[in-house]
Amino acid sequence: MTQAVKQISDMMAMLPEEEQNFACEFVKRLVLAWDPDFTKVTPAEAIVLEQAEANFARGDVAPDDAINWD
């Protein structure tokens, strides 16, 4: 987590719950304005995706019977 994100999180935690909900909705709008289709990924998500793709390329995947499909 970057220092800026931690600082924002700390400030939001000081707000009353109703204002926290308002701030959360505002942040959601900022994200939608930045990426209306949610197609961009964060740097951390990019790393996870790269690792998953590398695992898949090596055949390192979970068998169907290991997944609870319910």
PDB file of N, CA and C in Angstrom:
ATOM      1  N   MET A   1       0.859  -1.171   0.000  1.00  0.00           N
ATOM      2  CA  MET A   1       0.000   0.000   0.000  1.00  0.00           C
ATOM      3  C   MET A   1       0.902   1.229   0.000  1.00  0.00           C
ATOM      4  N   THR A   2       0.589   2.163  -0.879  1.00  0.00           N
ATOM      5  CA  THR A   2       1.383   3.379  -0.926  1.00  0.00           C
ATOM      6  C   THR A   2       1.058   4.261   0.282  1.00  0.00           C
ATOM      7  N   GLN A   3       1.939   5.190   0.550  1.00  0.00           N
ATOM      8  CA  GLN A   3       1.733   6.114   1.670  1.00  0.00           C
ATOM      9  C   GLN A   3       0.461   6.928   1.460  1.00  0.00           C
ATOM     10  N   ALA A   4       0.207   7.344   0.225  1.00  0.00           N
ATOM     11  CA  ALA A   4      -0.986   8.149  -0.059  1.00  0.00           C
ATOM     12  C   ALA A   4      -2.255   7.352   0.220  1.00  0.00           C
ATOM     13  N   VAL A   5      -2.289   6.089  -0.179  1.00  0.00           N
ATOM     14  CA  VAL A   5      -3.473   5.260   0.049  1.00  0.00           C
ATOM     15  C   VAL A   5      -3.674   5.042   1.549  1.00  0.00           C
ATOM     16  N   LYS A   6      -2.590   4.801   2.271  1.00  0.00           N
ATOM     17  CA  LYS A   6      -2.688   4.626   3.735  1.00  0.00           C
ATOM     18  C   LYS A   6      -3.219   5.900   4.380  1.00  0.00           C
ATOM     19  N   GLN A   7      -2.722   7.049   3.923  1.00  0.00           N
ATOM     20  CA  GLN A   7      -3.167   8.320   4.479  1.00  0.00           C
ATOM     21  C   GLN A   7      -4.659   8.532   4.216  1.00  0.00           C
ATOM     22  N   ILE A   8      -5.114   8.228   3.015  1.00  0.00           N
ATOM     23  CA  ILE A   8      -6.536   8.367   2.685  1.00  0.00           C
ATOM     24  C   ILE A   8      -7.365   7.417   3.546  1.00  0.00           C
ATOM     25  N   SER A   9      -6.897   6.180   3.682  1.00  0.00           N
ATOM     26  CA  SER A   9      -7.609   5.201   4.501  1.00  0.00           C
ATOM     27  C   SER A   9      -7.718   5.672   5.952  1.00  0.00           C
ATOM     28  N   ASP A  10      -6.632   6.192   6.488  1.00  0.00           N
ATOM     29  CA  ASP A  10      -6.648   6.691   7.870  1.00  0.00           C
ATOM     30  C   ASP A  10      -7.619   7.847   8.031  1.00  0.00           C
ATOM     31  N   MET A  11      -7.653   8.752   7.038  1.00  0.00           N
ATOM     32  CA  MET A  11      -8.573   9.887   7.117  1.00  0.00           C
ATOM     33  C   MET A  11     -10.018   9.421   7.031  1.00  0.00           C
ATOM     34  N   MET A  12     -10.291   8.445   6.153  1.00  0.00           N
ATOM     35  CA  MET A  12     -11.663   7.943   6.018  1.00  0.00           C
ATOM     36  C   MET A  12     -12.120   7.260   7.303  1.00  0.00           C
ATOM     37  N   ALA A  13     -11.199   6.593   7.983  1.00  0.00           N
ATOM     38  CA  ALA A  13     -11.553   5.893   9.220  1.00  0.00           C
ATOM     39  C   ALA A  13     -11.967   6.866  10.322  1.00  0.00           C
ATOM     40  N   MET A  14     -11.549   8.115  10.223  1.00  0.00           N
ATOM     41  CA  MET A  14     -11.910   9.117  11.232  1.00  0.00           C
ATOM     42  C   MET A  14     -13.326   9.635  11.039  1.00  0.00           C
ATOM     43  N   LEU A  15     -13.882   9.447   9.856  1.00  0.00           N
ATOM     44  CA  LEU A  15     -15.216   9.968   9.553  1.00  0.00           C
ATOM     45  C   LEU A  15     -16.306   9.149  10.229  1.00  0.00           C
ATOM     46  N   PRO A  16     -17.445   9.768  10.503  1.00  0.00           N
ATOM     47  CA  PRO A  16     -18.608   8.981  10.954  1.00  0.00           C
ATOM     48  C   PRO A  16     -18.990   7.988   9.854  1.00  0.00           C
ATOM     49  N   GLU A  17     -19.659   6.900  10.239  1.00  0.00           N
ATOM     50  CA  GLU A  17     -19.968   5.832   9.289  1.00  0.00           C
ATOM     51  C   GLU A  17     -20.716   6.333   8.057  1.00  0.00           C
ATOM     52  N   GLU A  18     -21.693   7.212   8.247  1.00  0.00           N
ATOM     53  CA  GLU A  18     -22.465   7.719   7.109  1.00  0.00           C
ATOM     54  C   GLU A  18     -21.554   8.468   6.129  1.00  0.00           C
ATOM     55  N   GLU A  19     -20.619   9.223   6.650  1.00  0.00           N
ATOM     56  CA  GLU A  19     -19.687   9.959   5.799  1.00  0.00           C
ATOM     57  C   GLU A  19     -18.679   9.017   5.146  1.00  0.00           C
ATOM     58  N   GLN A  20     -18.339   7.923   5.824  1.00  0.00           N
ATOM     59  CA  GLN A  20     -17.455   6.923   5.223  1.00  0.00           C
ATOM     60  C   GLN A  20     -18.126   6.326   3.993  1.00  0.00           C
ATOM     61  N   ASN A  21     -19.420   6.048   4.101  1.00  0.00           N
ATOM     62  CA  ASN A  21     -20.163   5.505   2.955  1.00  0.00           C
ATOM     63  C   ASN A  21     -20.172   6.496   1.799  1.00  0.00           C
ATOM     64  N   PHE A  22     -20.369   7.779   2.104  1.00  0.00           N
ATOM     65  CA  PHE A  22     -20.338   8.811   1.069  1.00  0.00           C
ATOM     66  C   PHE A  22     -18.960   8.852   0.403  1.00  0.00           C
ATOM     67  N   ALA A  23     -17.902   8.817   1.211  1.00  0.00           N
ATOM     68  CA  ALA A  23     -16.537   8.863   0.676  1.00  0.00           C
ATOM     69  C   ALA A  23     -16.258   7.636  -0.190  1.00  0.00           C
ATOM     70  N   CYS A  24     -16.754   6.488   0.225  1.00  0.00           N
ATOM     71  CA  CYS A  24     -16.563   5.262  -0.548  1.00  0.00           C
ATOM     72  C   CYS A  24     -17.243   5.381  -1.908  1.00  0.00           C
ATOM     73  N   GLU A  25     -18.450   5.898  -1.932  1.00  0.00           N
ATOM     74  CA  GLU A  25     -19.161   6.079  -3.199  1.00  0.00           C
ATOM     75  C   GLU A  25     -18.428   7.082  -4.098  1.00  0.00           C
ATOM     76  N   PHE A  26     -17.850   8.107  -3.487  1.00  0.00           N
ATOM     77  CA  PHE A  26     -17.084   9.088  -4.250  1.00  0.00           C
ATOM     78  C   PHE A  26     -15.867   8.428  -4.891  1.00  0.00           C
ATOM     79  N   VAL A  27     -15.173   7.593  -4.133  1.00  0.00           N
ATOM     80  CA  VAL A  27     -13.999   6.888  -4.668  1.00  0.00           C
ATOM     81  C   VAL A  27     -14.419   5.962  -5.805  1.00  0.00           C
ATOM     82  N   LYS A  28     -15.546   5.274  -5.649  1.00  0.00           N
ATOM     83  CA  LYS A  28     -16.049   4.417  -6.720  1.00  0.00           C
ATOM     84  C   LYS A  28     -16.261   5.228  -7.998  1.00  0.00           C
ATOM     85  N   ARG A  29     -16.815   6.432  -7.865  1.00  0.00           N
ATOM     86  CA  ARG A  29     -17.032   7.290  -9.037  1.00  0.00           C
ATOM     87  C   ARG A  29     -15.707   7.698  -9.673  1.00  0.00           C
ATOM     88  N   LEU A  30     -14.700   7.954  -8.838  1.00  0.00           N
ATOM     89  CA  LEU A  30     -13.381   8.287  -9.376  1.00  0.00           C
ATOM     90  C   LEU A  30     -12.822   7.128 -10.190  1.00  0.00           C
ATOM     91  N   VAL A  31     -12.965   5.923  -9.660  1.00  0.00           N
ATOM     92  CA  VAL A  31     -12.458   4.741 -10.363  1.00  0.00           C
ATOM     93  C   VAL A  31     -13.220   4.541 -11.667  1.00  0.00           C
ATOM     94  N   LEU A  32     -14.529   4.696 -11.620  1.00  0.00           N
ATOM     95  CA  LEU A  32     -15.319   4.551 -12.851  1.00  0.00           C
ATOM     96  C   LEU A  32     -14.940   5.597 -13.884  1.00  0.00           C
ATOM     97  N   ALA A  33     -14.625   6.811 -13.453  1.00  0.00           N
ATOM     98  CA  ALA A  33     -14.205   7.843 -14.386  1.00  0.00           C
ATOM     99  C   ALA A  33     -12.852   7.488 -14.997  1.00  0.00           C
ATOM    100  N   TRP A  34     -12.007   6.862 -14.209  1.00  0.00           N
ATOM    101  CA  TRP A  34     -10.680   6.460 -14.679  1.00  0.00           C
ATOM    102  C   TRP A  34     -10.768   5.270 -15.613  1.00  0.00           C
ATOM    103  N   ASP A  35     -11.664   4.336 -15.291  1.00  0.00           N
ATOM    104  CA  ASP A  35     -11.789   3.107 -16.076  1.00  0.00           C
ATOM    105  C   ASP A  35     -13.244   2.657 -16.077  1.00  0.00           C
ATOM    106  N   PRO A  36     -14.075   3.202 -16.969  1.00  0.00           N
ATOM    107  CA  PRO A  36     -15.508   2.905 -16.947  1.00  0.00           C
ATOM    108  C   PRO A  36     -15.858   1.435 -17.141  1.00  0.00           C
ATOM    109  N   ASP A  37     -14.994   0.680 -17.772  1.00  0.00           N
ATOM    110  CA  ASP A  37     -15.289  -0.734 -18.005  1.00  0.00           C
ATOM    111  C   ASP A  37     -14.526  -1.669 -17.073  1.00  0.00           C
ATOM    112  N   PHE A  38     -13.825  -1.122 -16.086  1.00  0.00           N
ATOM    113  CA  PHE A  38     -13.007  -1.911 -15.167  1.00  0.00           C
ATOM    114  C   PHE A  38     -12.041  -2.819 -15.917  1.00  0.00           C
ATOM    115  N   THR A  39     -11.404  -2.273 -16.953  1.00  0.00           N
ATOM    116  CA  THR A  39     -10.479  -3.087 -17.741  1.00  0.00           C
ATOM    117  C   THR A  39      -9.031  -2.896 -17.329  1.00  0.00           C
ATOM    118  N   LYS A  40      -8.742  -1.838 -16.600  1.00  0.00           N
ATOM    119  CA  LYS A  40      -7.377  -1.600 -16.147  1.00  0.00           C
ATOM    120  C   LYS A  40      -7.134  -2.394 -14.871  1.00  0.00           C
ATOM    121  N   VAL A  41      -5.898  -2.710 -14.625  1.00  0.00           N
ATOM    122  CA  VAL A  41      -5.541  -3.419 -13.394  1.00  0.00           C
ATOM    123  C   VAL A  41      -4.503  -2.610 -12.629  1.00  0.00           C
ATOM    124  N   THR A  42      -4.480  -2.818 -11.326  1.00  0.00           N
ATOM    125  CA  THR A  42      -3.467  -2.164 -10.506  1.00  0.00           C
ATOM    126  C   THR A  42      -2.141  -2.892 -10.689  1.00  0.00           C
ATOM    127  N   PRO A  43      -1.035  -2.291 -10.286  1.00  0.00           N
ATOM    128  CA  PRO A  43       0.247  -2.987 -10.376  1.00  0.00           C
ATOM    129  C   PRO A  43       0.236  -4.327  -9.624  1.00  0.00           C
ATOM    130  N   ALA A  44      -0.406  -4.378  -8.469  1.00  0.00           N
ATOM    131  CA  ALA A  44      -0.474  -5.634  -7.708  1.00  0.00           C
ATOM    132  C   ALA A  44      -1.295  -6.678  -8.457  1.00  0.00           C
ATOM    133  N   GLU A  45      -2.408  -6.259  -9.071  1.00  0.00           N
ATOM    134  CA  GLU A  45      -3.223  -7.189  -9.851  1.00  0.00           C
ATOM    135  C   GLU A  45      -2.456  -7.703 -11.060  1.00  0.00           C
ATOM    136  N   ALA A  46      -1.663  -6.834 -11.678  1.00  0.00           N
ATOM    137  CA  ALA A  46      -0.879  -7.239 -12.847  1.00  0.00           C
ATOM    138  C   ALA A  46       0.101  -8.350 -12.472  1.00  0.00           C
ATOM    139  N   ILE A  47       0.713  -8.251 -11.310  1.00  0.00           N
ATOM    140  CA  ILE A  47       1.651  -9.283 -10.850  1.00  0.00           C
ATOM    141  C   ILE A  47       0.924 -10.605 -10.649  1.00  0.00           C
ATOM    142  N   VAL A  48      -0.232 -10.563  -9.999  1.00  0.00           N
ATOM    143  CA  VAL A  48      -1.013 -11.778  -9.759  1.00  0.00           C
ATOM    144  C   VAL A  48      -1.420 -12.418 -11.083  1.00  0.00           C
ATOM    145  N   LEU A  49      -1.865 -11.598 -12.036  1.00  0.00           N
ATOM    146  CA  LEU A  49      -2.263 -12.128 -13.340  1.00  0.00           C
ATOM    147  C   LEU A  49      -1.082 -12.760 -14.071  1.00  0.00           C
ATOM    148  N   GLU A  50       0.080 -12.116 -14.022  1.00  0.00           N
ATOM    149  CA  GLU A  50       1.271 -12.675 -14.667  1.00  0.00           C
ATOM    150  C   GLU A  50       1.651 -14.018 -14.056  1.00  0.00           C
ATOM    151  N   GLN A  51       1.559 -14.108 -12.722  1.00  0.00           N
ATOM    152  CA  GLN A  51       1.872 -15.371 -12.043  1.00  0.00           C
ATOM    153  C   GLN A  51       0.877 -16.455 -12.430  1.00  0.00           C
ATOM    154  N   ALA A  52      -0.398 -16.102 -12.499  1.00  0.00           N
ATOM    155  CA  ALA A  52      -1.423 -17.079 -12.875  1.00  0.00           C
ATOM    156  C   ALA A  52      -1.222 -17.559 -14.307  1.00  0.00           C
ATOM    157  N   GLU A  53      -0.893 -16.643 -15.204  1.00  0.00           N
ATOM    158  CA  GLU A  53      -0.657 -17.026 -16.594  1.00  0.00           C
ATOM    159  C   GLU A  53       0.565 -17.933 -16.713  1.00  0.00           C
ATOM    160  N   ALA A  54       1.606 -17.649 -15.932  1.00  0.00           N
ATOM    161  CA  ALA A  54       2.805 -18.499 -15.947  1.00  0.00           C
ATOM    162  C   ALA A  54       2.478 -19.882 -15.403  1.00  0.00           C
ATOM    163  N   ASN A  55       1.687 -19.946 -14.339  1.00  0.00           N
ATOM    164  CA  ASN A  55       1.272 -21.245 -13.784  1.00  0.00           C
ATOM    165  C   ASN A  55       0.477 -22.034 -14.820  1.00  0.00           C
ATOM    166  N   PHE A  56      -0.443 -21.365 -15.481  1.00  0.00           N
ATOM    167  CA  PHE A  56      -1.266 -22.029 -16.492  1.00  0.00           C
ATOM    168  C   PHE A  56      -0.404 -22.543 -17.642  1.00  0.00           C
ATOM    169  N   ALA A  57       0.557 -21.740 -18.070  1.00  0.00           N
ATOM    170  CA  ALA A  57       1.443 -22.151 -19.167  1.00  0.00           C
ATOM    171  C   ALA A  57       2.258 -23.393 -18.799  1.00  0.00           C
ATOM    172  N   ARG A  58       2.567 -23.543 -17.504  1.00  0.00           N
ATOM    173  CA  ARG A  58       3.300 -24.723 -17.027  1.00  0.00           C
ATOM    174  C   ARG A  58       2.371 -25.908 -16.770  1.00  0.00           C
ATOM    175  N   GLY A  59       1.077 -25.689 -16.913  1.00  0.00           N
ATOM    176  CA  GLY A  59       0.119 -26.760 -16.629  1.00  0.00           C
ATOM    177  C   GLY A  59      -0.198 -26.888 -15.152  1.00  0.00           C
ATOM    178  N   ASP A  60       0.200 -25.901 -14.373  1.00  0.00           N
ATOM    179  CA  ASP A  60      -0.030 -25.905 -12.926  1.00  0.00           C
ATOM    180  C   ASP A  60      -1.404 -25.305 -12.647  1.00  0.00           C
ATOM    181  N   VAL A  61      -2.431 -26.137 -12.785  1.00  0.00           N
ATOM    182  CA  VAL A  61      -3.807 -25.694 -12.578  1.00  0.00           C
ATOM    183  C   VAL A  61      -4.513 -26.643 -11.627  1.00  0.00           C
ATOM    184  N   ALA A  62      -5.602 -26.176 -11.034  1.00  0.00           N
ATOM    185  CA  ALA A  62      -6.382 -27.010 -10.115  1.00  0.00           C
ATOM    186  C   ALA A  62      -7.293 -27.923 -10.932  1.00  0.00           C
ATOM    187  N   PRO A  63      -7.363 -29.205 -10.574  1.00  0.00           N
ATOM    188  CA  PRO A  63      -8.304 -30.092 -11.279  1.00  0.00           C
ATOM    189  C   PRO A  63      -9.746 -29.715 -10.949  1.00  0.00           C
ATOM    190  N   ASP A  64     -10.653 -29.999 -11.863  1.00  0.00           N
ATOM    191  CA  ASP A  64     -12.060 -29.654 -11.656  1.00  0.00           C
ATOM    192  C   ASP A  64     -12.621 -30.215 -10.364  1.00  0.00           C
ATOM    193  N   ASP A  65     -12.235 -31.434  -9.989  1.00  0.00           N
ATOM    194  CA  ASP A  65     -12.801 -32.038  -8.787  1.00  0.00           C
ATOM    195  C   ASP A  65     -12.261 -31.415  -7.491  1.00  0.00           C
ATOM    196  N   ALA A  66     -11.269 -30.533  -7.599  1.00  0.00           N
ATOM    197  CA  ALA A  66     -10.743 -29.852  -6.410  1.00  0.00           C
ATOM    198  C   ALA A  66     -11.498 -28.555  -6.132  1.00  0.00           C
ATOM    199  N   ILE A  67     -12.424 -28.203  -7.017  1.00  0.00           N
ATOM    200  CA  ILE A  67     -13.162 -26.947  -6.889  1.00  0.00           C
ATOM    201  C   ILE A  67     -14.589 -27.240  -6.453  1.00  0.00           C
ATOM    202  N   ASN A  68     -15.058 -26.503  -5.455  1.00  0.00           N
ATOM    203  CA  ASN A  68     -16.453 -26.608  -5.014  1.00  0.00           C
ATOM    204  C   ASN A  68     -17.278 -25.726  -5.930  1.00  0.00           C
ATOM    205  N   TRP A  69     -17.996 -26.303  -6.847  1.00  0.00           N
ATOM    206  CA  TRP A  69     -18.741 -25.574  -7.862  1.00  0.00           C
ATOM    207  C   TRP A  69     -20.119 -25.133  -7.370  1.00  0.00           C
ATOM    208  N   ASP A  70     -20.467 -25.459  -6.139  1.00  0.00           N
ATOM    209  CA  ASP A  70     -21.794 -25.077  -5.605  1.00  0.00           C
ATOM    210  C   ASP A  70     -21.800 -23.697  -5.063  1.00  0.00           C
TER     211      ASP A  70
END
